[in-house]
Amino acid sequence: MKIVFLDAKSIGEDIDLSGYEKLGEVVTYDYSTPEEAGERTEDADVIVLNKVPVNEETIGRAKKLKLVCVTATGTNNLDKEYLDSRGIAWRNVAGYSTESVAQHTFALLFYLLEHLPYYDEYVKSEKYVEDRMFTHFDRKFSEINGMIWGIIGMGAIGRRVAEIARLFGCKVIYYSTTGKNRQTEYRQVSLEELLEHSDIVSVHAPLTSDTENLMDENAFSRMKKSAIFLNLGRGPIVSEQALADALNQGQIRAAGLDVLCKEPMSSDNPLRFIKDSDRLLITPHIAWASVEARTRLMTIILEQIREFFKL
């Protein structure tokens, strides 16, 4: 068996892949363009990838290919009709990053809520050295105990965030983008009610035709001026121009993002020009990527290959 990793850099060089070598020949490429993928998959039995598109152009010459494994939950990069037409199976992985994404959600929140960029700079600029008073709290912040936390998307990650938020004393309300994930322990509301009443709004929904541009100019205009917005779902759920305008005009207090419409960030992204870290924090799609989550991910895929080939 030959297993080809088309974009192994997306997994990280610190993850042990020796288990795959026990199954057969393993070839890893850091990155692959669609053209390169066409050449590199010609004699592969299994391909493992994250973002590389899988279609007739990229795997048309792969006559031995039996299984495509995606190192993610989303499968938008797979031409499933083409795979079905050739009898090629595919697998993705769900649930591996729930704890990691939930943790990052709170990391973004507290960084913004407690004005940590300001206070970090205050000390490092030595304004605190020999200051007259032991404390300095020019930037006011509040406890999240008693705040309303609105969650958009009540899947596994949304539920985990809700559990933790409730431990902090938040009142959790939610909007289900599909209407399927009903949670009796939290109050389900309309999107309009969630936006108007929430002190914190976090997005944990998949990208669908219903969620694309869900957070647009109208949505941000409904939010409290004191609200903090967090997106850990998918970038295109948010109109980045509308968010930039909302931040620049003071319609909302701050935003923390781990996903963007185009990744890596494009030069014309309007959020690029907001340099105030007290209002905007963007991390480069890392919420899923704790060591434990990446290890769990690759262990699951290894088991999927074993199961498929009955090894």
C-alpha atoms as a PDB file:
ATOM      1  CA  MET A   1       0.000   0.000   0.000  1.00  0.00           C
ATOM      2  CA  LYS A   2       1.200   3.523  -0.794  1.00  0.00           C
ATOM      3  CA  ILE A   3      -0.053   6.415   1.354  1.00  0.00           C
ATOM      4  CA  VAL A   4       0.588   9.938   0.074  1.00  0.00           C
ATOM      5  CA  PHE A   5       0.287  13.023   2.300  1.00  0.00           C
ATOM      6  CA  LEU A   6      -0.301  15.981  -0.020  1.00  0.00           C
ATOM      7  CA  ASP A   7      -0.019  18.861   2.486  1.00  0.00           C
ATOM      8  CA  ALA A   8       1.655  17.421   5.564  1.00  0.00           C
ATOM      9  CA  LYS A   9       2.701  20.877   6.800  1.00  0.00           C
ATOM     10  CA  SER A  10      -0.936  21.486   7.725  1.00  0.00           C
ATOM     11  CA  ILE A  11      -0.644  18.717  10.327  1.00  0.00           C
ATOM     12  CA  GLY A  12       2.622  19.939  11.831  1.00  0.00           C
ATOM     13  CA  GLU A  13       6.059  18.425  11.971  1.00  0.00           C
ATOM     14  CA  ASP A  14       5.714  17.496  15.652  1.00  0.00           C
ATOM     15  CA  ILE A  15       3.088  14.772  15.105  1.00  0.00           C
ATOM     16  CA  ASP A  16       4.285  11.161  15.033  1.00  0.00           C
ATOM     17  CA  LEU A  17       3.258   9.450  11.784  1.00  0.00           C
ATOM     18  CA  SER A  18       5.247   6.252  12.361  1.00  0.00           C
ATOM     19  CA  GLY A  19       2.020   4.252  12.697  1.00  0.00           C
ATOM     20  CA  TYR A  20       1.306   4.883   9.012  1.00  0.00           C
ATOM     21  CA  GLU A  21       4.684   3.450   8.013  1.00  0.00           C
ATOM     22  CA  LYS A  22       3.600   0.095   9.418  1.00  0.00           C
ATOM     23  CA  LEU A  23       0.851  -0.046   6.799  1.00  0.00           C
ATOM     24  CA  GLY A  24       3.088   0.459   3.778  1.00  0.00           C
ATOM     25  CA  GLU A  25       5.088   3.077   1.889  1.00  0.00           C
ATOM     26  CA  VAL A  26       4.501   6.619   3.122  1.00  0.00           C
ATOM     27  CA  VAL A  27       5.365   9.675   1.018  1.00  0.00           C
ATOM     28  CA  THR A  28       4.891  13.159   2.475  1.00  0.00           C
ATOM     29  CA  TYR A  29       4.814  16.510   0.711  1.00  0.00           C
ATOM     30  CA  ASP A  30       4.700  19.786   2.640  1.00  0.00           C
ATOM     31  CA  TYR A  31       2.374  21.401   0.086  1.00  0.00           C
ATOM     32  CA  SER A  32       0.847  20.409  -3.243  1.00  0.00           C
ATOM     33  CA  THR A  33      -0.693  22.493  -5.989  1.00  0.00           C
ATOM     34  CA  PRO A  34      -3.507  20.877  -8.004  1.00  0.00           C
ATOM     35  CA  GLU A  35      -0.997  20.268 -10.800  1.00  0.00           C
ATOM     36  CA  GLU A  36       1.511  18.664  -8.438  1.00  0.00           C
ATOM     37  CA  ALA A  37      -1.235  16.572  -6.833  1.00  0.00           C
ATOM     38  CA  GLY A  38      -1.995  15.059 -10.231  1.00  0.00           C
ATOM     39  CA  GLU A  39       1.559  13.768 -10.517  1.00  0.00           C
ATOM     40  CA  ARG A  40       1.999  12.777  -6.886  1.00  0.00           C
ATOM     41  CA  THR A  41      -1.133  10.620  -6.648  1.00  0.00           C
ATOM     42  CA  GLU A  42      -0.626   8.520  -9.790  1.00  0.00           C
ATOM     43  CA  ASP A  43       0.358   5.362  -7.890  1.00  0.00           C
ATOM     44  CA  ALA A  44      -1.248   6.100  -4.522  1.00  0.00           C
ATOM     45  CA  ASP A  45      -3.685   3.740  -2.808  1.00  0.00           C
ATOM     46  CA  VAL A  46      -4.558   6.312  -0.126  1.00  0.00           C
ATOM     47  CA  ILE A  47      -4.163  10.076  -0.099  1.00  0.00           C
ATOM     48  CA  VAL A  48      -4.278  12.189   3.050  1.00  0.00           C
ATOM     49  CA  LEU A  49      -4.895  15.914   2.690  1.00  0.00           C
ATOM     50  CA  ASN A  50      -6.434  18.997   4.208  1.00  0.00           C
ATOM     51  CA  LYS A  51      -7.091  21.756   1.655  1.00  0.00           C
ATOM     52  CA  VAL A  52      -5.946  20.261  -1.658  1.00  0.00           C
ATOM     53  CA  PRO A  53      -8.907  19.987  -4.062  1.00  0.00           C
ATOM     54  CA  VAL A  54      -9.817  16.435  -5.010  1.00  0.00           C
ATOM     55  CA  ASN A  55     -11.371  16.213  -8.456  1.00  0.00           C
ATOM     56  CA  GLU A  56     -10.714  14.813 -11.922  1.00  0.00           C
ATOM     57  CA  GLU A  57      -7.839  17.238 -12.473  1.00  0.00           C
ATOM     58  CA  THR A  58      -5.984  16.233  -9.317  1.00  0.00           C
ATOM     59  CA  ILE A  59      -6.664  12.483  -9.146  1.00  0.00           C
ATOM     60  CA  GLY A  60      -7.671  11.634 -12.693  1.00  0.00           C
ATOM     61  CA  ARG A  61      -4.445   9.691 -13.217  1.00  0.00           C
ATOM     62  CA  ALA A  62      -4.618   7.897  -9.860  1.00  0.00           C
ATOM     63  CA  LYS A  63      -5.685   4.487 -11.141  1.00  0.00           C
ATOM     64  CA  LYS A  64      -4.979   2.625  -7.869  1.00  0.00           C
ATOM     65  CA  LEU A  65      -6.632   5.144  -5.552  1.00  0.00           C
ATOM     66  CA  LYS A  66      -9.127   3.580  -3.160  1.00  0.00           C
ATOM     67  CA  LEU A  67      -9.446   6.003  -0.230  1.00  0.00           C
ATOM     68  CA  VAL A  68      -9.246   9.776   0.348  1.00  0.00           C
ATOM     69  CA  CYS A  69      -8.784  10.949   3.942  1.00  0.00           C
ATOM     70  CA  VAL A  70      -9.410  14.578   4.857  1.00  0.00           C
ATOM     71  CA  THR A  71      -7.616  15.861   7.959  1.00  0.00           C
ATOM     72  CA  ALA A  72     -10.587  18.062   8.851  1.00  0.00           C
ATOM     73  CA  THR A  73     -14.336  18.006   9.347  1.00  0.00           C
ATOM     74  CA  GLY A  74     -15.202  20.050   6.264  1.00  0.00           C
ATOM     75  CA  THR A  75     -15.191  18.327   2.874  1.00  0.00           C
ATOM     76  CA  ASN A  76     -15.919  21.242   0.525  1.00  0.00           C
ATOM     77  CA  ASN A  77     -12.721  20.451  -1.381  1.00  0.00           C
ATOM     78  CA  LEU A  78     -13.959  17.006  -2.462  1.00  0.00           C
ATOM     79  CA  ASP A  79     -15.781  16.412  -5.748  1.00  0.00           C
ATOM     80  CA  LYS A  80     -17.913  13.660  -4.268  1.00  0.00           C
ATOM     81  CA  GLU A  81     -19.786  12.925  -7.472  1.00  0.00           C
ATOM     82  CA  TYR A  82     -16.498  12.228  -9.220  1.00  0.00           C
ATOM     83  CA  LEU A  83     -15.289  10.063  -6.346  1.00  0.00           C
ATOM     84  CA  ASP A  84     -18.546   8.099  -6.401  1.00  0.00           C
ATOM     85  CA  SER A  85     -18.299   7.630 -10.164  1.00  0.00           C
ATOM     86  CA  ARG A  86     -14.931   5.945  -9.685  1.00  0.00           C
ATOM     87  CA  GLY A  87     -15.852   4.017  -6.550  1.00  0.00           C
ATOM     88  CA  ILE A  88     -13.307   5.873  -4.423  1.00  0.00           C
ATOM     89  CA  ALA A  89     -14.212   6.132  -0.741  1.00  0.00           C
ATOM     90  CA  TRP A  90     -13.603   9.197   1.412  1.00  0.00           C
ATOM     91  CA  ARG A  91     -13.389   9.880   5.118  1.00  0.00           C
ATOM     92  CA  ASN A  92     -13.337  13.018   7.233  1.00  0.00           C
ATOM     93  CA  VAL A  93     -12.989  13.505  10.993  1.00  0.00           C
ATOM     94  CA  ALA A  94     -15.429  15.179  13.372  1.00  0.00           C
ATOM     95  CA  GLY A  95     -15.140  15.932  17.066  1.00  0.00           C
ATOM     96  CA  TYR A  96     -11.360  15.816  17.367  1.00  0.00           C
ATOM     97  CA  SER A  97     -10.928  19.530  18.138  1.00  0.00           C
ATOM     98  CA  THR A  98     -13.903  20.318  20.379  1.00  0.00           C
ATOM     99  CA  GLU A  99     -11.848  20.972  23.517  1.00  0.00           C
ATOM    100  CA  SER A 100      -9.176  22.888  21.626  1.00  0.00           C
ATOM    101  CA  VAL A 101     -11.643  25.247  19.904  1.00  0.00           C
ATOM    102  CA  ALA A 102     -13.630  25.807  23.088  1.00  0.00           C
ATOM    103  CA  GLN A 103     -10.427  26.703  24.935  1.00  0.00           C
ATOM    104  CA  HIS A 104      -9.374  29.140  22.202  1.00  0.00           C
ATOM    105  CA  THR A 105     -12.797  30.769  22.313  1.00  0.00           C
ATOM    106  CA  PHE A 106     -12.176  31.809  25.903  1.00  0.00           C
ATOM    107  CA  ALA A 107      -8.580  32.813  25.152  1.00  0.00           C
ATOM    108  CA  LEU A 108      -9.856  35.305  22.570  1.00  0.00           C
ATOM    109  CA  LEU A 109     -12.578  36.532  24.894  1.00  0.00           C
ATOM    110  CA  PHE A 110     -10.413  37.243  27.925  1.00  0.00           C
ATOM    111  CA  TYR A 111      -7.687  38.906  25.854  1.00  0.00           C
ATOM    112  CA  LEU A 112     -10.260  41.431  24.637  1.00  0.00           C
ATOM    113  CA  LEU A 113     -12.549  41.615  27.657  1.00  0.00           C
ATOM    114  CA  GLU A 114      -9.829  42.525  30.144  1.00  0.00           C
ATOM    115  CA  HIS A 115      -7.932  44.842  27.768  1.00  0.00           C
ATOM    116  CA  LEU A 116      -4.837  42.670  28.094  1.00  0.00           C
ATOM    117  CA  PRO A 117      -2.999  44.309  25.147  1.00  0.00           C
ATOM    118  CA  TYR A 118      -3.251  47.672  26.921  1.00  0.00           C
ATOM    119  CA  TYR A 119      -2.116  46.386  30.298  1.00  0.00           C
ATOM    120  CA  ASP A 120       0.713  44.340  28.797  1.00  0.00           C
ATOM    121  CA  GLU A 121       2.009  47.438  26.987  1.00  0.00           C
ATOM    122  CA  TYR A 122       1.553  49.550  30.123  1.00  0.00           C
ATOM    123  CA  VAL A 123       3.955  47.350  32.073  1.00  0.00           C
ATOM    124  CA  LYS A 124       6.425  46.616  29.276  1.00  0.00           C
ATOM    125  CA  SER A 125       6.721  50.296  28.390  1.00  0.00           C
ATOM    126  CA  GLU A 126       7.848  50.753  32.026  1.00  0.00           C
ATOM    127  CA  LYS A 127       5.014  53.105  32.932  1.00  0.00           C
ATOM    128  CA  TYR A 128       4.432  50.859  35.930  1.00  0.00           C
ATOM    129  CA  VAL A 129       8.033  51.203  37.125  1.00  0.00           C
ATOM    130  CA  GLU A 130       8.089  53.487  40.161  1.00  0.00           C
ATOM    131  CA  ASP A 131       4.432  54.376  39.565  1.00  0.00           C
ATOM    132  CA  ARG A 132       2.656  56.265  42.369  1.00  0.00           C
ATOM    133  CA  MET A 133      -0.014  53.622  42.986  1.00  0.00           C
ATOM    134  CA  PHE A 134       0.109  49.822  43.247  1.00  0.00           C
ATOM    135  CA  THR A 135      -2.743  49.380  40.769  1.00  0.00           C
ATOM    136  CA  HIS A 136      -3.722  50.865  37.444  1.00  0.00           C
ATOM    137  CA  PHE A 137      -7.126  50.260  35.880  1.00  0.00           C
ATOM    138  CA  ASP A 138      -7.723  53.025  33.360  1.00  0.00           C
ATOM    139  CA  ARG A 139      -9.313  50.526  30.998  1.00  0.00           C
ATOM    140  CA  LYS A 140     -12.415  49.248  32.767  1.00  0.00           C
ATOM    141  CA  PHE A 141     -13.532  45.636  32.441  1.00  0.00           C
ATOM    142  CA  SER A 142     -16.370  43.558  33.869  1.00  0.00           C
ATOM    143  CA  GLU A 143     -16.903  40.043  35.123  1.00  0.00           C
ATOM    144  CA  ILE A 144     -18.628  37.710  32.697  1.00  0.00           C
ATOM    145  CA  ASN A 145     -20.634  36.328  35.603  1.00  0.00           C
ATOM    146  CA  GLY A 146     -24.195  37.435  34.875  1.00  0.00           C
ATOM    147  CA  MET A 147     -23.556  38.314  31.225  1.00  0.00           C
ATOM    148  CA  ILE A 148     -25.671  36.929  28.391  1.00  0.00           C
ATOM    149  CA  TRP A 149     -23.661  34.728  26.042  1.00  0.00           C
ATOM    150  CA  GLY A 150     -25.279  34.139  22.674  1.00  0.00           C
ATOM    151  CA  ILE A 151     -24.082  31.121  20.713  1.00  0.00           C
ATOM    152  CA  ILE A 152     -24.672  30.783  16.976  1.00  0.00           C
ATOM    153  CA  GLY A 153     -24.431  27.100  16.085  1.00  0.00           C
ATOM    154  CA  MET A 154     -25.173  24.555  18.799  1.00  0.00           C
ATOM    155  CA  GLY A 155     -23.177  21.575  17.590  1.00  0.00           C
ATOM    156  CA  ALA A 156     -20.521  19.834  19.686  1.00  0.00           C
ATOM    157  CA  ILE A 157     -18.286  22.913  19.987  1.00  0.00           C
ATOM    158  CA  GLY A 158     -21.166  25.280  20.654  1.00  0.00           C
ATOM    159  CA  ARG A 159     -22.439  22.996  23.409  1.00  0.00           C
ATOM    160  CA  ARG A 160     -18.993  22.777  25.016  1.00  0.00           C
ATOM    161  CA  VAL A 161     -18.632  26.564  24.979  1.00  0.00           C
ATOM    162  CA  ALA A 162     -22.092  26.828  26.522  1.00  0.00           C
ATOM    163  CA  GLU A 163     -21.126  24.435  29.341  1.00  0.00           C
ATOM    164  CA  ILE A 164     -17.997  26.420  30.190  1.00  0.00           C
ATOM    165  CA  ALA A 165     -19.737  29.776  29.878  1.00  0.00           C
ATOM    166  CA  ARG A 166     -22.389  28.621  32.327  1.00  0.00           C
ATOM    167  CA  LEU A 167     -19.665  27.623  34.811  1.00  0.00           C
ATOM    168  CA  PHE A 168     -18.465  31.229  34.650  1.00  0.00           C
ATOM    169  CA  GLY A 169     -21.981  32.333  35.547  1.00  0.00           C
ATOM    170  CA  CYS A 170     -23.161  33.382  32.094  1.00  0.00           C
ATOM    171  CA  LYS A 171     -26.748  33.084  30.964  1.00  0.00           C
ATOM    172  CA  VAL A 172     -26.569  31.156  27.679  1.00  0.00           C
ATOM    173  CA  ILE A 173     -28.977  31.606  24.794  1.00  0.00           C
ATOM    174  CA  TYR A 174     -28.530  30.165  21.319  1.00  0.00           C
ATOM    175  CA  TYR A 175     -29.583  30.321  17.701  1.00  0.00           C
ATOM    176  CA  SER A 176     -29.540  27.063  15.758  1.00  0.00           C
ATOM    177  CA  THR A 177     -28.597  27.693  12.133  1.00  0.00           C
ATOM    178  CA  THR A 178     -30.147  24.377  11.063  1.00  0.00           C
ATOM    179  CA  GLY A 179     -32.962  24.096  13.586  1.00  0.00           C
ATOM    180  CA  LYS A 180     -31.813  20.552  14.357  1.00  0.00           C
ATOM    181  CA  ASN A 181     -29.624  21.035  17.423  1.00  0.00           C
ATOM    182  CA  ARG A 182     -32.198  21.685  20.132  1.00  0.00           C
ATOM    183  CA  GLN A 183     -30.816  21.958  23.662  1.00  0.00           C
ATOM    184  CA  THR A 184     -33.409  21.972  26.418  1.00  0.00           C
ATOM    185  CA  GLU A 185     -30.998  23.309  29.069  1.00  0.00           C
ATOM    186  CA  TYR A 186     -30.525  26.570  27.141  1.00  0.00           C
ATOM    187  CA  ARG A 187     -33.077  28.945  25.637  1.00  0.00           C
ATOM    188  CA  GLN A 188     -33.363  28.906  21.864  1.00  0.00           C
ATOM    189  CA  VAL A 189     -34.044  32.334  20.360  1.00  0.00           C
ATOM    190  CA  SER A 190     -34.200  34.035  16.998  1.00  0.00           C
ATOM    191  CA  LEU A 191     -31.011  35.493  15.576  1.00  0.00           C
ATOM    192  CA  GLU A 192     -32.406  38.987  16.053  1.00  0.00           C
ATOM    193  CA  GLU A 193     -33.114  38.428  19.746  1.00  0.00           C
ATOM    194  CA  LEU A 194     -29.712  36.853  20.303  1.00  0.00           C
ATOM    195  CA  LEU A 195     -27.874  39.783  18.729  1.00  0.00           C
ATOM    196  CA  GLU A 196     -29.898  42.426  20.549  1.00  0.00           C
ATOM    197  CA  HIS A 197     -29.515  40.934  24.029  1.00  0.00           C
ATOM    198  CA  SER A 198     -26.106  39.238  24.115  1.00  0.00           C
ATOM    199  CA  ASP A 199     -23.025  40.700  25.769  1.00  0.00           C
ATOM    200  CA  ILE A 200     -20.887  38.073  24.045  1.00  0.00           C
ATOM    201  CA  VAL A 201     -21.717  36.503  20.679  1.00  0.00           C
ATOM    202  CA  SER A 202     -19.713  33.509  19.474  1.00  0.00           C
ATOM    203  CA  VAL A 203     -20.090  31.678  16.168  1.00  0.00           C
ATOM    204  CA  HIS A 204     -19.513  27.919  16.008  1.00  0.00           C
ATOM    205  CA  ALA A 205     -21.532  27.069  12.908  1.00  0.00           C
ATOM    206  CA  PRO A 206     -20.546  25.385   9.629  1.00  0.00           C
ATOM    207  CA  LEU A 207     -20.567  27.294   6.356  1.00  0.00           C
ATOM    208  CA  THR A 208     -23.761  26.665   4.410  1.00  0.00           C
ATOM    209  CA  SER A 209     -25.966  28.651   2.067  1.00  0.00           C
ATOM    210  CA  ASP A 210     -27.953  29.668   5.162  1.00  0.00           C
ATOM    211  CA  THR A 211     -24.958  30.880   7.179  1.00  0.00           C
ATOM    212  CA  GLU A 212     -22.912  32.616   4.469  1.00  0.00           C
ATOM    213  CA  ASN A 213     -22.833  36.356   5.285  1.00  0.00           C
ATOM    214  CA  LEU A 214     -25.137  35.720   8.236  1.00  0.00           C
ATOM    215  CA  MET A 215     -23.255  38.405  10.147  1.00  0.00           C
ATOM    216  CA  ASP A 216     -23.718  41.360   7.839  1.00  0.00           C
ATOM    217  CA  GLU A 217     -24.203  45.101   8.341  1.00  0.00           C
ATOM    218  CA  ASN A 218     -27.733  44.609   9.631  1.00  0.00           C
ATOM    219  CA  ALA A 219     -26.617  41.951  12.107  1.00  0.00           C
ATOM    220  CA  PHE A 220     -23.832  44.065  13.617  1.00  0.00           C
ATOM    221  CA  SER A 221     -26.149  47.072  13.854  1.00  0.00           C
ATOM    222  CA  ARG A 222     -28.419  45.042  16.151  1.00  0.00           C
ATOM    223  CA  MET A 223     -25.676  44.237  18.648  1.00  0.00           C
ATOM    224  CA  LYS A 224     -24.929  46.117  21.851  1.00  0.00           C
ATOM    225  CA  LYS A 225     -22.175  48.721  21.626  1.00  0.00           C
ATOM    226  CA  SER A 226     -20.530  46.961  24.566  1.00  0.00           C
ATOM    227  CA  ALA A 227     -20.691  43.504  22.960  1.00  0.00           C
ATOM    228  CA  ILE A 228     -17.749  41.311  22.028  1.00  0.00           C
ATOM    229  CA  PHE A 229     -18.049  39.220  18.863  1.00  0.00           C
ATOM    230  CA  LEU A 230     -16.123  35.965  18.321  1.00  0.00           C
ATOM    231  CA  ASN A 231     -15.981  33.853  15.156  1.00  0.00           C
ATOM    232  CA  LEU A 232     -14.601  30.328  15.435  1.00  0.00           C
ATOM    233  CA  GLY A 233     -16.853  28.829  12.787  1.00  0.00           C
ATOM    234  CA  ARG A 234     -16.020  29.707   9.177  1.00  0.00           C
ATOM    235  CA  GLY A 235     -14.796  32.991   7.741  1.00  0.00           C
ATOM    236  CA  PRO A 236     -17.490  33.606   5.099  1.00  0.00           C
ATOM    237  CA  ILE A 237     -20.185  33.528   7.790  1.00  0.00           C
ATOM    238  CA  VAL A 238     -19.052  37.090   8.469  1.00  0.00           C
ATOM    239  CA  SER A 239     -19.018  40.023   6.074  1.00  0.00           C
ATOM    240  CA  GLU A 240     -15.533  41.320   6.831  1.00  0.00           C
ATOM    241  CA  GLN A 241     -16.331  44.780   5.495  1.00  0.00           C
ATOM    242  CA  ALA A 242     -19.398  44.984   7.730  1.00  0.00           C
ATOM    243  CA  LEU A 243     -17.327  43.903  10.737  1.00  0.00           C
ATOM    244  CA  ALA A 244     -14.590  46.425   9.946  1.00  0.00           C
ATOM    245  CA  ASP A 245     -17.196  49.170   9.695  1.00  0.00           C
ATOM    246  CA  ALA A 246     -18.825  48.086  12.963  1.00  0.00           C
ATOM    247  CA  LEU A 247     -15.467  48.236  14.772  1.00  0.00           C
ATOM    248  CA  ASN A 248     -14.408  51.533  13.213  1.00  0.00           C
ATOM    249  CA  GLN A 249     -17.758  53.145  13.984  1.00  0.00           C
ATOM    250  CA  GLY A 250     -17.967  51.807  17.525  1.00  0.00           C
ATOM    251  CA  GLN A 251     -21.078  49.725  16.868  1.00  0.00           C
ATOM    252  CA  ILE A 252     -19.537  46.884  18.893  1.00  0.00           C
ATOM    253  CA  ARG A 253     -16.802  46.869  21.528  1.00  0.00           C
ATOM    254  CA  ALA A 254     -14.390  44.303  20.021  1.00  0.00           C
ATOM    255  CA  ALA A 255     -14.020  41.197  17.870  1.00  0.00           C
ATOM    256  CA  GLY A 256     -11.886  38.068  18.053  1.00  0.00           C
ATOM    257  CA  LEU A 257     -11.514  35.886  14.960  1.00  0.00           C
ATOM    258  CA  ASP A 258      -9.750  32.634  14.196  1.00  0.00           C
ATOM    259  CA  VAL A 259     -11.137  32.286  10.665  1.00  0.00           C
ATOM    260  CA  LEU A 260     -11.269  34.584   7.647  1.00  0.00           C
ATOM    261  CA  CYS A 261     -13.021  34.540   4.270  1.00  0.00           C
ATOM    262  CA  LYS A 262      -9.704  33.932   2.527  1.00  0.00           C
ATOM    263  CA  GLU A 263      -6.852  32.130   4.257  1.00  0.00           C
ATOM    264  CA  PRO A 264      -4.063  33.122   4.421  1.00  0.00           C
ATOM    265  CA  MET A 265      -5.305  36.691   4.832  1.00  0.00           C
ATOM    266  CA  SER A 266      -5.649  38.616   1.565  1.00  0.00           C
ATOM    267  CA  SER A 267      -3.997  42.007   1.114  1.00  0.00           C
ATOM    268  CA  ASP A 268      -7.359  43.677   0.499  1.00  0.00           C
ATOM    269  CA  ASN A 269      -9.032  42.371   3.662  1.00  0.00           C
ATOM    270  CA  PRO A 270     -10.528  45.465   5.353  1.00  0.00           C
ATOM    271  CA  LEU A 271      -9.689  44.040   8.793  1.00  0.00           C
ATOM    272  CA  ARG A 272      -5.993  44.198   7.905  1.00  0.00           C
ATOM    273  CA  PHE A 273      -5.975  47.930   8.541  1.00  0.00           C
ATOM    274  CA  ILE A 274      -7.318  47.800  12.101  1.00  0.00           C
ATOM    275  CA  LYS A 275      -4.157  47.719  14.211  1.00  0.00           C
ATOM    276  CA  ASP A 276      -5.742  48.311  17.611  1.00  0.00           C
ATOM    277  CA  SER A 277      -5.338  44.956  19.403  1.00  0.00           C
ATOM    278  CA  ASP A 278      -7.713  46.148  22.090  1.00  0.00           C
ATOM    279  CA  ARG A 279     -10.538  46.111  19.532  1.00  0.00           C
ATOM    280  CA  LEU A 280      -9.536  43.331  17.153  1.00  0.00           C
ATOM    281  CA  LEU A 281      -7.646  40.079  17.647  1.00  0.00           C
ATOM    282  CA  ILE A 282      -7.115  37.711  14.721  1.00  0.00           C
ATOM    283  CA  THR A 283      -5.349  34.384  15.083  1.00  0.00           C
ATOM    284  CA  PRO A 284      -4.288  32.406  11.959  1.00  0.00           C
ATOM    285  CA  HIS A 285      -6.780  29.519  12.101  1.00  0.00           C
ATOM    286  CA  ILE A 286      -5.143  27.847  15.099  1.00  0.00           C
ATOM    287  CA  ALA A 287      -8.098  27.118  17.389  1.00  0.00           C
ATOM    288  CA  TRP A 288      -8.241  23.493  16.205  1.00  0.00           C
ATOM    289  CA  ALA A 289      -4.493  22.929  16.377  1.00  0.00           C
ATOM    290  CA  SER A 290      -3.528  22.034  19.939  1.00  0.00           C
ATOM    291  CA  VAL A 291      -0.979  19.217  20.092  1.00  0.00           C
ATOM    292  CA  GLU A 292      -3.618  16.943  21.581  1.00  0.00           C
ATOM    293  CA  ALA A 293      -6.184  17.720  18.871  1.00  0.00           C
ATOM    294  CA  ARG A 294      -3.730  17.143  16.020  1.00  0.00           C
ATOM    295  CA  THR A 295      -2.525  13.906  17.586  1.00  0.00           C
ATOM    296  CA  ARG A 296      -6.128  12.768  18.049  1.00  0.00           C
ATOM    297  CA  LEU A 297      -6.903  13.689  14.438  1.00  0.00           C
ATOM    298  CA  MET A 298      -4.086  11.633  12.951  1.00  0.00           C
ATOM    299  CA  THR A 299      -4.816   8.671  15.227  1.00  0.00           C
ATOM    300  CA  ILE A 300      -8.424   8.644  14.014  1.00  0.00           C
ATOM    301  CA  ILE A 301      -7.361   8.757  10.359  1.00  0.00           C
ATOM    302  CA  LEU A 302      -4.891   5.916  10.912  1.00  0.00           C
ATOM    303  CA  GLU A 303      -7.728   3.828  12.344  1.00  0.00           C
ATOM    304  CA  GLN A 304      -9.951   4.757   9.408  1.00  0.00           C
ATOM    305  CA  ILE A 305      -7.364   3.403   6.977  1.00  0.00           C
ATOM    306  CA  ARG A 306      -6.943   0.226   8.997  1.00  0.00           C
ATOM    307  CA  GLU A 307     -10.686  -0.282   9.151  1.00  0.00           C
ATOM    308  CA  PHE A 308     -11.191   0.365   5.446  1.00  0.00           C
ATOM    309  CA  PHE A 309      -8.534  -2.152   4.414  1.00  0.00           C
ATOM    310  CA  LYS A 310      -9.426  -4.518   7.269  1.00  0.00           C
ATOM    311  CA  LEU A 311      -5.874  -4.474   8.611  1.00  0.00           C
END
